[in-house]
Amino acid sequence: GAVEAALGVYEDMQRRGDGVDGWTYVNLIESLLKGGEHDHAMGMCDQMTRQGMANDEKVCTRLMMLCGRCKDWQRALNVYLQLSQRKEREPERDELNVITYTAIITVLGRCKQWQQAVQVFEDMKKAGVRGNVVLYGSLISALSAASTNQQPRVRHLLHEMQEIGLSPDLPIYNTILNACRKQGNLQCAVGLFEELKARGLQADVLTYNNLIGTCQKRGKWQFALQLLDEMKEAGVQANSVTVQRAMRCCAGGGRPELAVELAVEVFRGAPTQQDVRPDTDTLAVLLKVLTMQDAKVNTAVHLLHAMRGW
C-alpha cells in the first residue's frame, strides 16, 4: 500500500545516504496519517525533532498542522517552542511569520487549549508580528469554544482588529454568535447582529440559526418569528436547523400550535427545497410538540397534508 511504499522510499534514502531532510519527514508523516498509522506518524515526528530537522519555519508549520490532525496539541506546541527558542539563540534568523502563528493557534483552538492559544498570541505581539483576519478568527474561535465565558476577551479582540485596520468577516461573527447561543446571551447576540449589519455584512443561514437558537434558550418566541420574517425578506433560505430551533422556541414559550403551524408553512414546499426537507431530528421535534397538551389536532392534520409527497 501507500504507507509501505512511503516507508520503503524513506529507508532506501537512508541506506544510500541521500539527503533526508525536514520535508522528507513531513511527507512521510502525512502518508502515515493518511494510512491510519497515527502512532507511527507521531513517532516519526519525535524522531524528526530529535535529529534537529524541525528547524525550517515552513516545515514546522506543516508539521504542527499534521500534529493537529491527531489532536496532539502537546507535540504541535513543542515544535512551536523549539522554533521560537532557536530564534532566541540565533537573533539573525527571520521572525516567525503570521502563517506559523496562525497554524499553532488553530491547532490549540481545535484542541480546546485556549489559554495556550492566548499565550502564543501574546508571543506574536511581543515579536512585532501583525496578525491578519485568519489569525484573529482562529483565536476568537478558540475563545468562543472555551467552557468559561470569554466574551470580554472576544470583544477586546474585535476592537483590536479595528484598531489595526482589520475588518472582522462573517465567519468570525458567526463563531461568536454560536458562543452566545450556547450561553443563552441574547443581548450580546443582538448587539453583534446589529454590528455586522452596520458593517455591511450580509447575514447567512448560520447567523440566523444562531440567533434563533439563542431566542430558544431565552424563550423569546416572538423575536424568533420576527427573525424568520427578516430571513425571508433578505432572501436567506431556511434549513432544517432553522425550523427545529424556531419550533422549539415557540413550544418552549407556551405556543406549541404556532410551532406546528410553522412546520406546515415552511415544509409545504419541502419536496422542491432540499435544505428544508425534514430529517429524523425535525420529525422528533414535531412529535414532541404534537404531544403537548395545547397543540391543536387540526394543525396536525394540516401538517400531514403538507407532508404528502415526501
C-alpha atoms as a PDB file:
ATOM      1  CA  GLY A   1       0.000   0.000   0.000  1.00  0.00           C
ATOM      2  CA  ALA A   2       0.885   3.693   0.021  1.00  0.00           C
ATOM      3  CA  VAL A   3       2.223   3.541   3.593  1.00  0.00           C
ATOM      4  CA  GLU A   4       4.587   0.661   2.806  1.00  0.00           C
ATOM      5  CA  ALA A   5       5.759   2.435  -0.344  1.00  0.00           C
ATOM      6  CA  ALA A   6       6.478   5.663   1.566  1.00  0.00           C
ATOM      7  CA  LEU A   7       8.396   3.803   4.277  1.00  0.00           C
ATOM      8  CA  GLY A   8      10.319   1.906   1.604  1.00  0.00           C
ATOM      9  CA  VAL A   9      11.425   5.122  -0.092  1.00  0.00           C
ATOM     10  CA  TYR A  10      12.455   6.613   3.264  1.00  0.00           C
ATOM     11  CA  GLU A  11      14.503   3.549   4.260  1.00  0.00           C
ATOM     12  CA  ASP A  12      16.129   3.404   0.837  1.00  0.00           C
ATOM     13  CA  MET A  13      17.135   7.079   1.108  1.00  0.00           C
ATOM     14  CA  GLN A  14      18.714   6.416   4.498  1.00  0.00           C
ATOM     15  CA  ARG A  15      20.684   3.408   3.203  1.00  0.00           C
ATOM     16  CA  ARG A  16      22.046   5.382   0.266  1.00  0.00           C
ATOM     17  CA  GLY A  17      22.862   8.380   2.409  1.00  0.00           C
ATOM     18  CA  ASP A  18      20.604  10.623   0.368  1.00  0.00           C
ATOM     19  CA  GLY A  19      19.563  13.941   1.808  1.00  0.00           C
ATOM     20  CA  VAL A  20      16.804  13.073   4.283  1.00  0.00           C
ATOM     21  CA  ASP A  21      15.564  16.467   5.381  1.00  0.00           C
ATOM     22  CA  GLY A  22      12.578  18.025   7.125  1.00  0.00           C
ATOM     23  CA  TRP A  23      10.338  17.771   4.080  1.00  0.00           C
ATOM     24  CA  THR A  24      11.172  14.056   3.759  1.00  0.00           C
ATOM     25  CA  TYR A  25       9.865  13.521   7.280  1.00  0.00           C
ATOM     26  CA  VAL A  26       6.812  15.738   6.785  1.00  0.00           C
ATOM     27  CA  ASN A  27       5.782  13.887   3.613  1.00  0.00           C
ATOM     28  CA  LEU A  28       6.325  10.533   5.325  1.00  0.00           C
ATOM     29  CA  ILE A  29       4.291  11.604   8.369  1.00  0.00           C
ATOM     30  CA  GLU A  30       1.464  12.749   6.099  1.00  0.00           C
ATOM     31  CA  SER A  31       1.478   9.377   4.297  1.00  0.00           C
ATOM     32  CA  LEU A  32       1.361   7.544   7.623  1.00  0.00           C
ATOM     33  CA  LEU A  33      -1.597   9.643   8.794  1.00  0.00           C
ATOM     34  CA  LYS A  34      -3.483   9.005   5.559  1.00  0.00           C
ATOM     35  CA  GLY A  35      -2.919   5.292   6.138  1.00  0.00           C
ATOM     36  CA  GLY A  36      -4.274   5.493   9.685  1.00  0.00           C
ATOM     37  CA  GLU A  37      -0.851   4.944  11.282  1.00  0.00           C
ATOM     38  CA  HIS A  38      -1.208   7.765  13.808  1.00  0.00           C
ATOM     39  CA  ASP A  39       1.138   6.369  16.472  1.00  0.00           C
ATOM     40  CA  HIS A  40       3.813   5.615  13.888  1.00  0.00           C
ATOM     41  CA  ALA A  41       3.397   9.104  12.435  1.00  0.00           C
ATOM     42  CA  MET A  42       3.854  10.790  15.799  1.00  0.00           C
ATOM     43  CA  GLY A  43       6.866   8.572  16.481  1.00  0.00           C
ATOM     44  CA  MET A  44       8.433   9.883  13.275  1.00  0.00           C
ATOM     45  CA  CYS A  45       7.618  13.400  14.436  1.00  0.00           C
ATOM     46  CA  ASP A  46       9.589  12.776  17.634  1.00  0.00           C
ATOM     47  CA  GLN A  47      12.486  11.305  15.664  1.00  0.00           C
ATOM     48  CA  MET A  48      12.464  14.306  13.356  1.00  0.00           C
ATOM     49  CA  THR A  49      12.672  16.798  16.226  1.00  0.00           C
ATOM     50  CA  ARG A  50      15.393  14.781  17.993  1.00  0.00           C
ATOM     51  CA  GLN A  51      17.508  14.927  14.845  1.00  0.00           C
ATOM     52  CA  GLY A  52      17.096  18.687  14.673  1.00  0.00           C
ATOM     53  CA  MET A  53      15.191  18.671  11.400  1.00  0.00           C
ATOM     54  CA  ALA A  54      12.256  20.708  12.704  1.00  0.00           C
ATOM     55  CA  ASN A  55      14.132  23.956  12.183  1.00  0.00           C
ATOM     56  CA  ASP A  56      12.678  25.356   8.984  1.00  0.00           C
ATOM     57  CA  GLU A  57       9.642  27.546   9.511  1.00  0.00           C
ATOM     58  CA  LYS A  58       7.644  26.157   6.589  1.00  0.00           C
ATOM     59  CA  VAL A  59       8.434  22.587   7.603  1.00  0.00           C
ATOM     60  CA  CYS A  60       7.456  23.286  11.212  1.00  0.00           C
ATOM     61  CA  THR A  61       4.214  24.974  10.193  1.00  0.00           C
ATOM     62  CA  ARG A  62       3.209  21.914   8.189  1.00  0.00           C
ATOM     63  CA  LEU A  63       4.323  19.603  10.987  1.00  0.00           C
ATOM     64  CA  MET A  64       2.202  21.452  13.556  1.00  0.00           C
ATOM     65  CA  MET A  65      -0.871  21.088  11.349  1.00  0.00           C
ATOM     66  CA  LEU A  66      -0.198  17.370  10.954  1.00  0.00           C
ATOM     67  CA  CYS A  67       0.045  17.015  14.744  1.00  0.00           C
ATOM     68  CA  GLY A  68      -3.266  18.842  14.909  1.00  0.00           C
ATOM     69  CA  ARG A  69      -4.883  16.151  12.780  1.00  0.00           C
ATOM     70  CA  CYS A  70      -4.159  13.720  15.609  1.00  0.00           C
ATOM     71  CA  LYS A  71      -5.402  16.220  18.214  1.00  0.00           C
ATOM     72  CA  ASP A  72      -1.846  16.095  19.568  1.00  0.00           C
ATOM     73  CA  TRP A  73      -1.535  19.702  20.654  1.00  0.00           C
ATOM     74  CA  GLN A  74       1.370  18.951  23.004  1.00  0.00           C
ATOM     75  CA  ARG A  75       3.612  17.846  20.134  1.00  0.00           C
ATOM     76  CA  ALA A  76       2.475  20.769  17.996  1.00  0.00           C
ATOM     77  CA  LEU A  77       3.267  23.175  20.828  1.00  0.00           C
ATOM     78  CA  ASN A  78       6.659  21.539  21.337  1.00  0.00           C
ATOM     79  CA  VAL A  79       7.513  22.119  17.666  1.00  0.00           C
ATOM     80  CA  TYR A  80       6.491  25.767  18.013  1.00  0.00           C
ATOM     81  CA  LEU A  81       8.535  26.226  21.210  1.00  0.00           C
ATOM     82  CA  GLN A  82      11.632  24.680  19.643  1.00  0.00           C
ATOM     83  CA  LEU A  83      11.305  27.004  16.670  1.00  0.00           C
ATOM     84  CA  SER A  84      10.868  30.019  18.974  1.00  0.00           C
ATOM     85  CA  GLN A  85      13.859  29.031  21.107  1.00  0.00           C
ATOM     86  CA  ARG A  86      16.034  28.690  18.029  1.00  0.00           C
ATOM     87  CA  LYS A  87      15.101  32.234  17.048  1.00  0.00           C
ATOM     88  CA  GLU A  88      16.184  33.422  20.516  1.00  0.00           C
ATOM     89  CA  ARG A  89      19.543  31.644  20.140  1.00  0.00           C
ATOM     90  CA  GLU A  90      20.029  32.952  16.604  1.00  0.00           C
ATOM     91  CA  PRO A  91      18.711  36.537  16.516  1.00  0.00           C
ATOM     92  CA  GLU A  92      19.791  36.916  12.894  1.00  0.00           C
ATOM     93  CA  ARG A  93      17.094  34.470  11.822  1.00  0.00           C
ATOM     94  CA  ASP A  94      13.882  35.953  10.449  1.00  0.00           C
ATOM     95  CA  GLU A  95      10.966  36.366  12.852  1.00  0.00           C
ATOM     96  CA  LEU A  96       8.284  33.709  12.768  1.00  0.00           C
ATOM     97  CA  ASN A  97       5.603  34.805  10.343  1.00  0.00           C
ATOM     98  CA  VAL A  98       1.860  35.120  10.757  1.00  0.00           C
ATOM     99  CA  ILE A  99       1.238  31.801   8.965  1.00  0.00           C
ATOM    100  CA  THR A 100       3.210  29.912  11.605  1.00  0.00           C
ATOM    101  CA  TYR A 101       1.420  31.664  14.461  1.00  0.00           C
ATOM    102  CA  THR A 102      -1.935  31.002  12.807  1.00  0.00           C
ATOM    103  CA  ALA A 103      -1.126  27.303  12.466  1.00  0.00           C
ATOM    104  CA  ILE A 104      -0.310  26.739  16.136  1.00  0.00           C
ATOM    105  CA  ILE A 105      -3.210  28.893  17.368  1.00  0.00           C
ATOM    106  CA  THR A 106      -5.571  26.940  15.096  1.00  0.00           C
ATOM    107  CA  VAL A 107      -4.318  23.600  16.449  1.00  0.00           C
ATOM    108  CA  LEU A 108      -4.570  24.754  20.057  1.00  0.00           C
ATOM    109  CA  GLY A 109      -8.045  26.146  19.484  1.00  0.00           C
ATOM    110  CA  ARG A 110      -9.336  22.939  17.936  1.00  0.00           C
ATOM    111  CA  CYS A 111      -7.941  21.034  20.906  1.00  0.00           C
ATOM    112  CA  LYS A 112      -9.689  23.413  23.337  1.00  0.00           C
ATOM    113  CA  GLN A 113      -6.435  24.812  24.694  1.00  0.00           C
ATOM    114  CA  TRP A 114      -7.469  28.463  24.624  1.00  0.00           C
ATOM    115  CA  GLN A 115      -5.061  29.557  27.363  1.00  0.00           C
ATOM    116  CA  GLN A 116      -2.111  28.264  25.365  1.00  0.00           C
ATOM    117  CA  ALA A 117      -3.504  29.926  22.235  1.00  0.00           C
ATOM    118  CA  VAL A 118      -3.677  33.274  24.047  1.00  0.00           C
ATOM    119  CA  GLN A 119      -0.065  32.866  25.197  1.00  0.00           C
ATOM    120  CA  VAL A 120       1.104  32.235  21.628  1.00  0.00           C
ATOM    121  CA  PHE A 121      -0.834  35.314  20.526  1.00  0.00           C
ATOM    122  CA  GLU A 122       0.968  37.382  23.156  1.00  0.00           C
ATOM    123  CA  ASP A 123       4.306  35.960  21.941  1.00  0.00           C
ATOM    124  CA  MET A 124       3.399  37.091  18.433  1.00  0.00           C
ATOM    125  CA  LYS A 125       2.642  40.631  19.526  1.00  0.00           C
ATOM    126  CA  LYS A 126       5.897  40.838  21.503  1.00  0.00           C
ATOM    127  CA  ALA A 127       7.751  39.732  18.377  1.00  0.00           C
ATOM    128  CA  GLY A 128       6.156  42.607  16.483  1.00  0.00           C
ATOM    129  CA  VAL A 129       4.278  40.372  14.048  1.00  0.00           C
ATOM    130  CA  ARG A 130       0.983  41.811  12.801  1.00  0.00           C
ATOM    131  CA  GLY A 131      -1.965  39.441  12.848  1.00  0.00           C
ATOM    132  CA  ASN A 132      -4.425  39.030   9.994  1.00  0.00           C
ATOM    133  CA  VAL A 133      -8.127  38.217   9.798  1.00  0.00           C
ATOM    134  CA  VAL A 134      -7.484  34.466   9.654  1.00  0.00           C
ATOM    135  CA  LEU A 135      -5.315  34.511  12.782  1.00  0.00           C
ATOM    136  CA  TYR A 136      -7.778  36.629  14.762  1.00  0.00           C
ATOM    137  CA  GLY A 137     -10.584  34.370  13.576  1.00  0.00           C
ATOM    138  CA  SER A 138      -8.704  31.295  14.829  1.00  0.00           C
ATOM    139  CA  LEU A 139      -8.104  32.862  18.238  1.00  0.00           C
ATOM    140  CA  ILE A 140     -11.697  34.070  18.536  1.00  0.00           C
ATOM    141  CA  SER A 141     -12.864  30.558  17.626  1.00  0.00           C
ATOM    142  CA  ALA A 142     -10.661  29.116  20.389  1.00  0.00           C
ATOM    143  CA  LEU A 143     -12.042  31.569  22.949  1.00  0.00           C
ATOM    144  CA  SER A 144     -15.627  31.045  21.822  1.00  0.00           C
ATOM    145  CA  ALA A 145     -15.290  27.298  22.387  1.00  0.00           C
ATOM    146  CA  ALA A 146     -13.992  27.769  25.952  1.00  0.00           C
ATOM    147  CA  SER A 147     -16.016  26.264  28.780  1.00  0.00           C
ATOM    148  CA  THR A 148     -15.901  29.604  30.611  1.00  0.00           C
ATOM    149  CA  ASN A 149     -17.283  32.894  29.332  1.00  0.00           C
ATOM    150  CA  GLN A 150     -14.567  34.618  27.302  1.00  0.00           C
ATOM    151  CA  GLN A 151     -16.826  37.244  25.712  1.00  0.00           C
ATOM    152  CA  PRO A 152     -14.847  40.176  27.214  1.00  0.00           C
ATOM    153  CA  ARG A 153     -11.665  38.857  25.582  1.00  0.00           C
ATOM    154  CA  VAL A 154     -13.504  38.309  22.310  1.00  0.00           C
ATOM    155  CA  ARG A 155     -14.930  41.826  22.301  1.00  0.00           C
ATOM    156  CA  HIS A 156     -11.457  43.186  23.030  1.00  0.00           C
ATOM    157  CA  LEU A 157     -10.060  41.262  20.039  1.00  0.00           C
ATOM    158  CA  LEU A 158     -12.777  42.667  17.768  1.00  0.00           C
ATOM    159  CA  HIS A 159     -11.856  46.160  18.935  1.00  0.00           C
ATOM    160  CA  GLU A 160      -8.155  45.419  18.462  1.00  0.00           C
ATOM    161  CA  MET A 161      -8.801  44.256  14.891  1.00  0.00           C
ATOM    162  CA  GLN A 162     -10.465  47.553  14.091  1.00  0.00           C
ATOM    163  CA  GLU A 163      -7.566  49.482  15.628  1.00  0.00           C
ATOM    164  CA  ILE A 164      -5.045  47.850  13.291  1.00  0.00           C
ATOM    165  CA  GLY A 165      -7.256  48.227  10.245  1.00  0.00           C
ATOM    166  CA  LEU A 166      -8.740  44.715  10.018  1.00  0.00           C
ATOM    167  CA  SER A 167     -12.429  44.119   9.391  1.00  0.00           C
ATOM    168  CA  PRO A 168     -13.998  41.062  11.070  1.00  0.00           C
ATOM    169  CA  ASP A 169     -15.673  38.860   8.465  1.00  0.00           C
ATOM    170  CA  LEU A 170     -18.965  36.965   8.687  1.00  0.00           C
ATOM    171  CA  PRO A 171     -17.397  33.646   9.815  1.00  0.00           C
ATOM    172  CA  ILE A 172     -15.893  35.461  12.819  1.00  0.00           C
ATOM    173  CA  TYR A 173     -19.264  36.931  13.764  1.00  0.00           C
ATOM    174  CA  ASN A 174     -20.970  33.564  13.286  1.00  0.00           C
ATOM    175  CA  THR A 175     -18.411  31.925  15.574  1.00  0.00           C
ATOM    176  CA  ILE A 176     -19.110  34.446  18.334  1.00  0.00           C
ATOM    177  CA  LEU A 177     -22.880  34.193  17.794  1.00  0.00           C
ATOM    178  CA  ASN A 178     -22.640  30.440  18.214  1.00  0.00           C
ATOM    179  CA  ALA A 179     -20.956  31.003  21.590  1.00  0.00           C
ATOM    180  CA  CYS A 180     -23.750  33.446  22.517  1.00  0.00           C
ATOM    181  CA  ARG A 181     -26.290  30.751  21.610  1.00  0.00           C
ATOM    182  CA  LYS A 182     -24.637  28.194  23.873  1.00  0.00           C
ATOM    183  CA  GLN A 183     -24.587  30.706  26.736  1.00  0.00           C
ATOM    184  CA  GLY A 184     -28.110  31.993  26.038  1.00  0.00           C
ATOM    185  CA  ASN A 185     -26.716  35.538  25.862  1.00  0.00           C
ATOM    186  CA  LEU A 186     -29.378  37.201  23.729  1.00  0.00           C
ATOM    187  CA  GLN A 187     -28.286  40.767  24.469  1.00  0.00           C
ATOM    188  CA  CYS A 188     -24.777  40.072  23.198  1.00  0.00           C
ATOM    189  CA  ALA A 189     -26.132  38.186  20.164  1.00  0.00           C
ATOM    190  CA  VAL A 190     -28.440  41.033  19.147  1.00  0.00           C
ATOM    191  CA  GLY A 191     -25.623  43.552  19.572  1.00  0.00           C
ATOM    192  CA  LEU A 192     -23.332  41.515  17.333  1.00  0.00           C
ATOM    193  CA  PHE A 193     -26.117  41.071  14.771  1.00  0.00           C
ATOM    194  CA  GLU A 194     -26.643  44.822  14.554  1.00  0.00           C
ATOM    195  CA  GLU A 195     -22.892  45.382  14.401  1.00  0.00           C
ATOM    196  CA  LEU A 196     -22.326  43.032  11.480  1.00  0.00           C
ATOM    197  CA  LYS A 197     -25.198  44.589   9.551  1.00  0.00           C
ATOM    198  CA  ALA A 198     -23.782  48.056  10.223  1.00  0.00           C
ATOM    199  CA  ARG A 199     -20.508  46.838   8.703  1.00  0.00           C
ATOM    200  CA  GLY A 200     -22.323  45.936   5.503  1.00  0.00           C
ATOM    201  CA  LEU A 201     -22.084  42.173   6.028  1.00  0.00           C
ATOM    202  CA  GLN A 202     -24.943  40.008   4.741  1.00  0.00           C
ATOM    203  CA  ALA A 203     -26.201  37.594   7.402  1.00  0.00           C
ATOM    204  CA  ASP A 204     -26.475  33.984   6.226  1.00  0.00           C
ATOM    205  CA  VAL A 205     -28.424  30.976   7.462  1.00  0.00           C
ATOM    206  CA  LEU A 206     -25.809  30.235  10.161  1.00  0.00           C
ATOM    207  CA  THR A 207     -26.227  33.766  11.515  1.00  0.00           C
ATOM    208  CA  TYR A 208     -29.991  33.415  11.788  1.00  0.00           C
ATOM    209  CA  ASN A 209     -29.788  29.878  13.163  1.00  0.00           C
ATOM    210  CA  ASN A 210     -27.558  31.072  15.989  1.00  0.00           C
ATOM    211  CA  LEU A 211     -29.862  33.999  16.757  1.00  0.00           C
ATOM    212  CA  ILE A 212     -32.977  31.833  16.728  1.00  0.00           C
ATOM    213  CA  GLY A 213     -31.178  29.264  18.879  1.00  0.00           C
ATOM    214  CA  THR A 214     -30.389  31.999  21.398  1.00  0.00           C
ATOM    215  CA  CYS A 215     -34.059  33.026  21.385  1.00  0.00           C
ATOM    216  CA  GLN A 216     -34.902  29.398  22.125  1.00  0.00           C
ATOM    217  CA  LYS A 217     -32.692  29.455  25.227  1.00  0.00           C
ATOM    218  CA  ARG A 218     -34.347  32.667  26.429  1.00  0.00           C
ATOM    219  CA  GLY A 219     -37.946  31.784  25.488  1.00  0.00           C
ATOM    220  CA  LYS A 220     -38.235  34.751  23.088  1.00  0.00           C
ATOM    221  CA  TRP A 221     -40.535  33.139  20.529  1.00  0.00           C
ATOM    222  CA  GLN A 222     -41.853  36.477  19.193  1.00  0.00           C
ATOM    223  CA  PHE A 223     -38.345  37.593  18.290  1.00  0.00           C
ATOM    224  CA  ALA A 224     -37.615  34.209  16.702  1.00  0.00           C
ATOM    225  CA  LEU A 225     -40.625  34.599  14.391  1.00  0.00           C
ATOM    226  CA  GLN A 226     -39.517  38.147  13.625  1.00  0.00           C
ATOM    227  CA  LEU A 227     -36.123  36.789  12.578  1.00  0.00           C
ATOM    228  CA  LEU A 228     -37.791  34.247  10.308  1.00  0.00           C
ATOM    229  CA  ASP A 229     -39.666  37.056   8.566  1.00  0.00           C
ATOM    230  CA  GLU A 230     -36.432  39.002   8.226  1.00  0.00           C
ATOM    231  CA  MET A 231     -34.771  35.958   6.666  1.00  0.00           C
ATOM    232  CA  LYS A 232     -37.466  35.785   4.010  1.00  0.00           C
ATOM    233  CA  GLU A 233     -37.158  39.490   3.231  1.00  0.00           C
ATOM    234  CA  ALA A 234     -33.370  39.157   2.939  1.00  0.00           C
ATOM    235  CA  GLY A 235     -33.687  36.135   0.634  1.00  0.00           C
ATOM    236  CA  VAL A 236     -31.895  33.803   3.059  1.00  0.00           C
ATOM    237  CA  GLN A 237     -33.146  30.224   2.696  1.00  0.00           C
ATOM    238  CA  ALA A 238     -34.016  28.478   5.956  1.00  0.00           C
ATOM    239  CA  ASN A 239     -32.834  24.930   6.573  1.00  0.00           C
ATOM    240  CA  SER A 240     -33.936  22.126   8.883  1.00  0.00           C
ATOM    241  CA  VAL A 241     -31.954  23.542  11.816  1.00  0.00           C
ATOM    242  CA  THR A 242     -33.746  26.891  11.426  1.00  0.00           C
ATOM    243  CA  VAL A 243     -37.115  25.202  11.594  1.00  0.00           C
ATOM    244  CA  GLN A 244     -36.225  22.950  14.523  1.00  0.00           C
ATOM    245  CA  ARG A 245     -34.973  25.830  16.636  1.00  0.00           C
ATOM    246  CA  ALA A 246     -37.907  28.073  15.803  1.00  0.00           C
ATOM    247  CA  MET A 247     -40.346  25.272  16.642  1.00  0.00           C
ATOM    248  CA  ARG A 248     -38.654  24.545  19.959  1.00  0.00           C
ATOM    249  CA  CYS A 249     -38.682  28.253  20.716  1.00  0.00           C
ATOM    250  CA  CYS A 250     -42.446  28.538  20.118  1.00  0.00           C
ATOM    251  CA  ALA A 251     -43.205  25.342  22.015  1.00  0.00           C
ATOM    252  CA  GLY A 252     -40.968  26.356  24.918  1.00  0.00           C
ATOM    253  CA  GLY A 253     -42.700  29.740  25.011  1.00  0.00           C
ATOM    254  CA  GLY A 254     -46.067  28.090  25.522  1.00  0.00           C
ATOM    255  CA  ARG A 255     -47.191  28.289  21.894  1.00  0.00           C
ATOM    256  CA  PRO A 256     -46.985  24.725  20.553  1.00  0.00           C
ATOM    257  CA  GLU A 257     -49.732  25.414  17.998  1.00  0.00           C
ATOM    258  CA  LEU A 258     -47.507  28.061  16.423  1.00  0.00           C
ATOM    259  CA  ALA A 259     -44.701  25.536  16.247  1.00  0.00           C
ATOM    260  CA  VAL A 260     -46.849  23.126  14.253  1.00  0.00           C
ATOM    261  CA  GLU A 261     -48.233  25.870  12.027  1.00  0.00           C
ATOM    262  CA  LEU A 262     -44.680  26.977  11.371  1.00  0.00           C
ATOM    263  CA  ALA A 263     -43.795  23.467  10.273  1.00  0.00           C
ATOM    264  CA  VAL A 264     -46.795  23.398   7.930  1.00  0.00           C
ATOM    265  CA  GLU A 265     -45.853  26.749   6.395  1.00  0.00           C
ATOM    266  CA  VAL A 266     -42.168  26.037   5.947  1.00  0.00           C
ATOM    267  CA  PHE A 267     -42.356  22.370   4.944  1.00  0.00           C
ATOM    268  CA  ARG A 268     -45.176  22.756   2.442  1.00  0.00           C
ATOM    269  CA  GLY A 269     -42.586  23.285  -0.276  1.00  0.00           C
ATOM    270  CA  ALA A 270     -40.088  20.785   1.146  1.00  0.00           C
ATOM    271  CA  PRO A 271     -40.099  18.322  -1.824  1.00  0.00           C
ATOM    272  CA  THR A 272     -38.555  21.046  -4.025  1.00  0.00           C
ATOM    273  CA  GLN A 273     -36.313  22.590  -1.360  1.00  0.00           C
ATOM    274  CA  GLN A 274     -33.625  20.149  -0.314  1.00  0.00           C
ATOM    275  CA  ASP A 275     -32.351  22.318   2.571  1.00  0.00           C
ATOM    276  CA  VAL A 276     -35.677  22.159   4.417  1.00  0.00           C
ATOM    277  CA  ARG A 277     -36.609  18.546   3.866  1.00  0.00           C
ATOM    278  CA  PRO A 278     -37.433  17.056   7.276  1.00  0.00           C
ATOM    279  CA  ASP A 279     -34.854  14.766   8.797  1.00  0.00           C
ATOM    280  CA  THR A 280     -35.264  12.495  11.804  1.00  0.00           C
ATOM    281  CA  ASP A 281     -34.372  15.316  14.216  1.00  0.00           C
ATOM    282  CA  THR A 282     -37.036  17.585  12.745  1.00  0.00           C
ATOM    283  CA  LEU A 283     -39.684  14.871  12.903  1.00  0.00           C
ATOM    284  CA  ALA A 284     -38.705  14.144  16.509  1.00  0.00           C
ATOM    285  CA  VAL A 285     -39.335  17.809  17.355  1.00  0.00           C
ATOM    286  CA  LEU A 286     -42.705  17.624  15.590  1.00  0.00           C
ATOM    287  CA  LEU A 287     -43.763  14.552  17.537  1.00  0.00           C
ATOM    288  CA  LYS A 288     -42.761  16.160  20.819  1.00  0.00           C
ATOM    289  CA  VAL A 289     -44.712  19.327  20.009  1.00  0.00           C
ATOM    290  CA  LEU A 290     -47.776  17.391  18.898  1.00  0.00           C
ATOM    291  CA  THR A 291     -47.923  15.575  22.232  1.00  0.00           C
ATOM    292  CA  MET A 292     -48.114  18.862  24.133  1.00  0.00           C
ATOM    293  CA  GLN A 293     -51.495  19.492  25.695  1.00  0.00           C
ATOM    294  CA  ASP A 294     -52.236  22.745  23.906  1.00  0.00           C
ATOM    295  CA  ALA A 295     -51.347  21.588  20.406  1.00  0.00           C
ATOM    296  CA  LYS A 296     -54.459  21.527  18.250  1.00  0.00           C
ATOM    297  CA  VAL A 297     -55.431  18.384  16.362  1.00  0.00           C
ATOM    298  CA  ASN A 298     -56.417  20.275  13.212  1.00  0.00           C
ATOM    299  CA  THR A 299     -52.909  21.714  12.870  1.00  0.00           C
ATOM    300  CA  ALA A 300     -51.575  18.172  12.937  1.00  0.00           C
ATOM    301  CA  VAL A 301     -53.948  17.260  10.118  1.00  0.00           C
ATOM    302  CA  HIS A 302     -52.713  20.233   8.086  1.00  0.00           C
ATOM    303  CA  LEU A 303     -49.196  19.059   8.706  1.00  0.00           C
ATOM    304  CA  LEU A 304     -49.953  15.564   7.406  1.00  0.00           C
ATOM    305  CA  HIS A 305     -51.386  17.070   4.232  1.00  0.00           C
ATOM    306  CA  ALA A 306     -48.281  19.213   3.838  1.00  0.00           C
ATOM    307  CA  MET A 307     -46.101  16.105   4.179  1.00  0.00           C
ATOM    308  CA  ARG A 308     -47.650  14.373   1.158  1.00  0.00           C
ATOM    309  CA  GLY A 309     -45.026  13.635  -1.421  1.00  0.00           C
ATOM    310  CA  TRP A 310     -42.109  13.341   0.994  1.00  0.00           C
END
